[in-house]
Amino acid sequence: MKKFAIILAGSGVYDGAEIHEATLSMLAIMAKGCSYQCFAPDIKQHHVINHLNGEEMNESRNVLIESARIARGNVKNITEFQATDFDVLLMPGGFGVAKNLCNFAFKGAGCEVNADLERVIKQMHKAGKPIGALCISPVLVSKVLGDVKLTLGQDQDVIANVEKMGSQHIKTTHGEVIVDEKNKIFTTPCYMLDANILQINEGTTNIVKAILDSLN
């Protein structure tokens, strides 16, 4: 049984982890007979968004506590992560990736990645273990590792920024997975495209399958 570590960025597309991508990733993992453990940083969210009207709310929330909503309480502080305990790292998207796990939403190619998450990515890469990134999450891999092949769909502004970070971008559509065999990086666009939940299910299913096929 392969063990996946899933990194969450809160709960909710506009200020946290994208819930469809996160939960469908969990389903895809378990459907293949594998297990997962969720992790998130114990930090303050950049801000809180009212998902009904898109307006910023005058309150403060914690990324780890909010991630527990998706994980049904079973989420660990990212500081507890050790690459020796897992076979795969998987990172769903959501604006929280670009606002909480890094500041790509504000600084683009000049962004900084959360130090604990940077350690996690480097540990897995050094160990030669697969790293999967959905939606906007490939920007984390691009910033930390630089010269990798990946996809973020077809958004020209985002593509320009990851290319500035030294990565090779491949344009993709729904359900496609780009594999950087040298670096064992797996990426799929999900909601970086105008997608529905069936197309997200296709993307999460395909990326988990591609990762597991590489381990056989």
Protein backbone atom coordinates (compact mmCIF):
# COMPACT_ATOMS: atom_id res chain seq x y z
CA MET A 1 0.00 0.00 0.00
CA LYS A 2 1.52 3.30 -1.13
CA LYS A 3 1.26 6.22 1.28
CA PHE A 4 0.45 9.72 0.01
CA ALA A 5 1.07 12.96 1.90
CA ILE A 6 -1.50 15.60 0.90
CA ILE A 7 -0.70 19.26 1.53
CA LEU A 8 -3.71 21.49 2.23
CA ALA A 9 -3.86 25.30 2.20
CA GLY A 10 -7.03 25.87 4.21
CA SER A 11 -10.61 25.23 3.13
CA GLY A 12 -12.28 26.94 0.18
CA VAL A 13 -11.25 27.89 -3.32
CA TYR A 14 -10.85 31.65 -2.81
CA ASP A 15 -8.72 31.63 0.35
CA GLY A 16 -7.72 28.01 1.00
CA ALA A 17 -7.51 24.58 -0.61
CA GLU A 18 -9.87 23.80 -3.51
CA ILE A 19 -12.30 21.38 -1.90
CA HIS A 20 -13.24 19.39 -5.02
CA GLU A 21 -9.60 18.87 -5.96
CA ALA A 22 -8.66 17.87 -2.41
CA THR A 23 -11.51 15.43 -1.77
CA LEU A 24 -11.43 13.89 -5.25
CA SER A 25 -7.69 13.36 -4.81
CA MET A 26 -8.42 11.49 -1.58
CA LEU A 27 -11.02 9.39 -3.38
CA ALA A 28 -8.64 8.61 -6.27
CA ILE A 29 -5.93 7.55 -3.82
CA MET A 30 -8.17 5.22 -1.85
CA ALA A 31 -9.80 3.82 -5.01
CA LYS A 32 -6.33 2.58 -5.96
CA GLY A 33 -5.92 0.83 -2.61
CA CYS A 34 -3.56 3.43 -1.18
CA SER A 35 -3.66 5.62 1.93
CA TYR A 36 -3.12 9.30 2.65
CA GLN A 37 -2.26 11.67 5.47
CA CYS A 38 -3.08 15.38 5.28
CA PHE A 39 -0.67 18.11 6.37
CA ALA A 40 -0.94 21.91 6.57
CA PRO A 41 1.11 24.73 8.06
CA ASP A 42 0.05 26.18 11.40
CA ILE A 43 -0.09 29.76 10.14
CA LYS A 44 -2.59 32.59 9.73
CA GLN A 45 -4.48 32.74 6.43
CA HIS A 46 -3.65 35.73 4.24
CA HIS A 47 -7.31 36.76 4.44
CA VAL A 48 -10.81 35.29 4.60
CA ILE A 49 -13.20 35.48 1.64
CA ASN A 50 -16.98 35.22 1.73
CA HIS A 51 -17.53 32.46 -0.82
CA LEU A 52 -21.11 33.62 -1.42
CA ASN A 53 -20.25 37.09 -2.73
CA GLY A 54 -16.45 37.09 -3.13
CA GLU A 55 -15.90 39.89 -0.62
CA GLU A 56 -13.15 39.95 1.99
CA MET A 57 -14.34 39.40 5.55
CA ASN A 58 -13.10 41.17 8.67
CA GLU A 59 -11.90 38.08 10.49
CA SER A 60 -8.83 35.89 10.91
CA ARG A 61 -8.49 32.13 10.38
CA ASN A 62 -5.73 29.53 10.74
CA VAL A 63 -4.63 27.39 7.78
CA LEU A 64 -4.15 24.21 9.84
CA ILE A 65 -7.51 24.56 11.60
CA GLU A 66 -9.34 25.32 8.35
CA SER A 67 -7.64 22.37 6.62
CA ALA A 68 -9.06 20.14 9.35
CA ARG A 69 -12.51 20.82 7.85
CA ILE A 70 -11.54 18.94 4.68
CA ALA A 71 -9.50 16.29 6.50
CA ARG A 72 -12.31 15.66 9.03
CA GLY A 73 -9.85 16.52 11.77
CA ASN A 74 -7.13 14.13 10.64
CA VAL A 75 -4.50 16.67 9.62
CA LYS A 76 -1.00 17.14 10.99
CA ASN A 77 1.23 20.18 11.28
CA ILE A 78 3.55 20.23 8.27
CA THR A 79 6.51 20.42 10.67
CA GLU A 80 5.83 16.74 11.48
CA PHE A 81 6.36 15.62 7.87
CA GLN A 82 9.25 13.29 7.09
CA ALA A 83 9.86 12.03 3.55
CA THR A 84 10.86 8.59 4.87
CA ASP A 85 7.25 8.04 5.96
CA PHE A 86 5.66 8.53 2.52
CA ASP A 87 5.89 7.32 -1.06
CA VAL A 88 4.22 10.32 -2.76
CA LEU A 89 3.63 14.03 -2.15
CA LEU A 90 0.38 15.44 -3.60
CA MET A 91 -0.69 19.10 -3.55
CA PRO A 92 -4.22 20.16 -4.59
CA GLY A 93 -4.80 23.74 -5.73
CA GLY A 94 -6.97 26.65 -4.63
CA PHE A 95 -6.11 30.32 -4.12
CA GLY A 96 -4.79 29.42 -0.67
CA VAL A 97 -1.80 27.83 -2.40
CA ALA A 98 -0.89 31.18 -3.93
CA LYS A 99 -1.81 33.22 -0.84
CA ASN A 100 -1.02 31.02 2.17
CA LEU A 101 1.55 28.41 1.07
CA CYS A 102 3.42 31.06 -0.92
CA ASN A 103 2.79 34.62 -2.08
CA PHE A 104 2.68 33.94 -5.83
CA ALA A 105 -0.68 35.76 -6.04
CA PHE A 106 1.08 38.99 -5.09
CA LYS A 107 4.69 38.61 -6.24
CA GLY A 108 4.54 36.22 -9.20
CA ALA A 109 7.97 34.87 -10.12
CA GLY A 110 9.50 36.77 -7.18
CA CYS A 111 7.43 34.86 -4.65
CA GLU A 112 8.60 33.06 -1.52
CA VAL A 113 7.37 29.60 -0.51
CA ASN A 114 6.53 28.72 3.10
CA ALA A 115 9.81 27.45 4.58
CA ASP A 116 8.33 24.25 5.98
CA LEU A 117 6.72 23.37 2.65
CA GLU A 118 9.95 24.14 0.83
CA ARG A 119 11.68 21.61 3.10
CA VAL A 120 9.00 19.01 2.31
CA ILE A 121 9.34 19.47 -1.46
CA LYS A 122 13.14 19.33 -1.32
CA GLN A 123 13.09 16.24 0.91
CA MET A 124 10.83 14.35 -1.49
CA HIS A 125 12.78 15.46 -4.55
CA LYS A 126 16.11 14.49 -2.98
CA ALA A 127 14.66 11.09 -2.06
CA GLY A 128 13.59 10.56 -5.68
CA LYS A 129 9.93 10.24 -4.73
CA PRO A 130 7.04 11.45 -6.92
CA ILE A 131 5.55 14.90 -6.41
CA GLY A 132 2.08 15.58 -7.78
CA ALA A 133 0.70 19.11 -8.14
CA LEU A 134 -2.78 20.13 -9.27
CA CYS A 135 -4.18 23.43 -10.52
CA ILE A 136 -1.99 26.35 -9.27
CA SER A 137 0.20 24.13 -7.04
CA PRO A 138 2.86 23.58 -9.72
CA VAL A 139 4.06 27.13 -9.00
CA LEU A 140 5.34 25.80 -5.66
CA VAL A 141 7.39 23.14 -7.42
CA SER A 142 8.61 25.63 -9.99
CA LYS A 143 9.80 28.09 -7.35
CA VAL A 144 11.51 25.48 -5.17
CA LEU A 145 13.06 23.28 -7.88
CA GLY A 146 13.33 25.66 -10.86
CA ASP A 147 14.25 23.61 -13.93
CA VAL A 148 11.27 21.25 -14.14
CA LYS A 149 8.64 20.41 -16.76
CA LEU A 150 5.04 21.07 -15.73
CA THR A 151 1.61 22.39 -16.66
CA LEU A 152 -0.75 25.03 -15.34
CA GLY A 153 -3.21 24.76 -18.19
CA GLN A 154 -3.29 27.70 -20.60
CA ASP A 155 -3.10 30.93 -18.54
CA GLN A 156 -0.46 33.07 -20.28
CA ASP A 157 0.35 35.26 -17.26
CA VAL A 158 0.96 32.26 -15.01
CA ILE A 159 2.93 30.51 -17.75
CA ALA A 160 5.17 33.57 -18.13
CA ASN A 161 5.88 33.60 -14.40
CA VAL A 162 6.84 29.92 -14.12
CA GLU A 163 9.05 30.29 -17.16
CA LYS A 164 10.79 33.19 -15.37
CA MET A 165 11.40 30.76 -12.51
CA GLY A 166 13.24 28.47 -14.95
CA SER A 167 10.54 25.88 -15.62
CA GLN A 168 9.35 24.46 -18.94
CA HIS A 169 5.60 24.83 -19.35
CA ILE A 170 3.41 22.54 -21.47
CA LYS A 171 -0.11 23.72 -22.36
CA THR A 172 -2.80 21.19 -21.51
CA THR A 173 -6.54 20.68 -21.39
CA HIS A 174 -8.88 18.75 -19.07
CA GLY A 175 -7.55 15.54 -17.55
CA GLU A 176 -4.11 15.72 -19.12
CA VAL A 177 -1.08 14.93 -16.96
CA ILE A 178 2.40 16.21 -17.69
CA VAL A 179 5.18 13.98 -16.41
CA ASP A 180 8.72 15.20 -15.79
CA GLU A 181 10.33 11.76 -15.69
CA LYS A 182 13.75 13.07 -14.67
CA ASN A 183 12.44 14.92 -11.60
CA LYS A 184 9.39 12.70 -10.98
CA ILE A 185 7.03 15.69 -11.13
CA PHE A 186 3.38 15.09 -12.14
CA THR A 187 1.05 18.01 -12.89
CA THR A 188 -2.52 18.49 -14.17
CA PRO A 189 -4.49 21.74 -14.67
CA CYS A 190 -7.87 21.06 -12.97
CA TYR A 191 -9.54 24.41 -12.13
CA MET A 192 -6.83 26.44 -13.85
CA LEU A 193 -9.20 25.72 -16.74
CA ASP A 194 -12.93 26.43 -16.88
CA ALA A 195 -13.80 23.00 -15.48
CA ASN A 196 -16.67 21.10 -13.91
CA ILE A 197 -16.50 18.49 -11.17
CA LEU A 198 -16.49 15.58 -13.65
CA GLN A 199 -13.41 17.04 -15.34
CA ILE A 200 -11.76 17.53 -11.94
CA ASN A 201 -12.46 13.88 -11.16
CA GLU A 202 -10.79 12.94 -14.44
CA GLY A 203 -7.74 15.01 -13.56
CA THR A 204 -7.32 13.66 -10.04
CA THR A 205 -7.89 10.08 -11.20
CA ASN A 206 -5.38 10.44 -14.02
CA ILE A 207 -2.63 12.03 -11.95
CA VAL A 208 -2.89 9.42 -9.18
CA LYS A 209 -2.82 6.64 -11.78
CA ALA A 210 0.19 8.16 -13.54
CA ILE A 211 2.07 8.46 -10.25
CA LEU A 212 1.32 4.87 -9.22
CA ASP A 213 2.21 3.53 -12.68
CA SER A 214 5.62 5.17 -12.29
CA LEU A 215 6.18 3.29 -9.03
CA ASN A 216 5.48 -0.14 -10.52
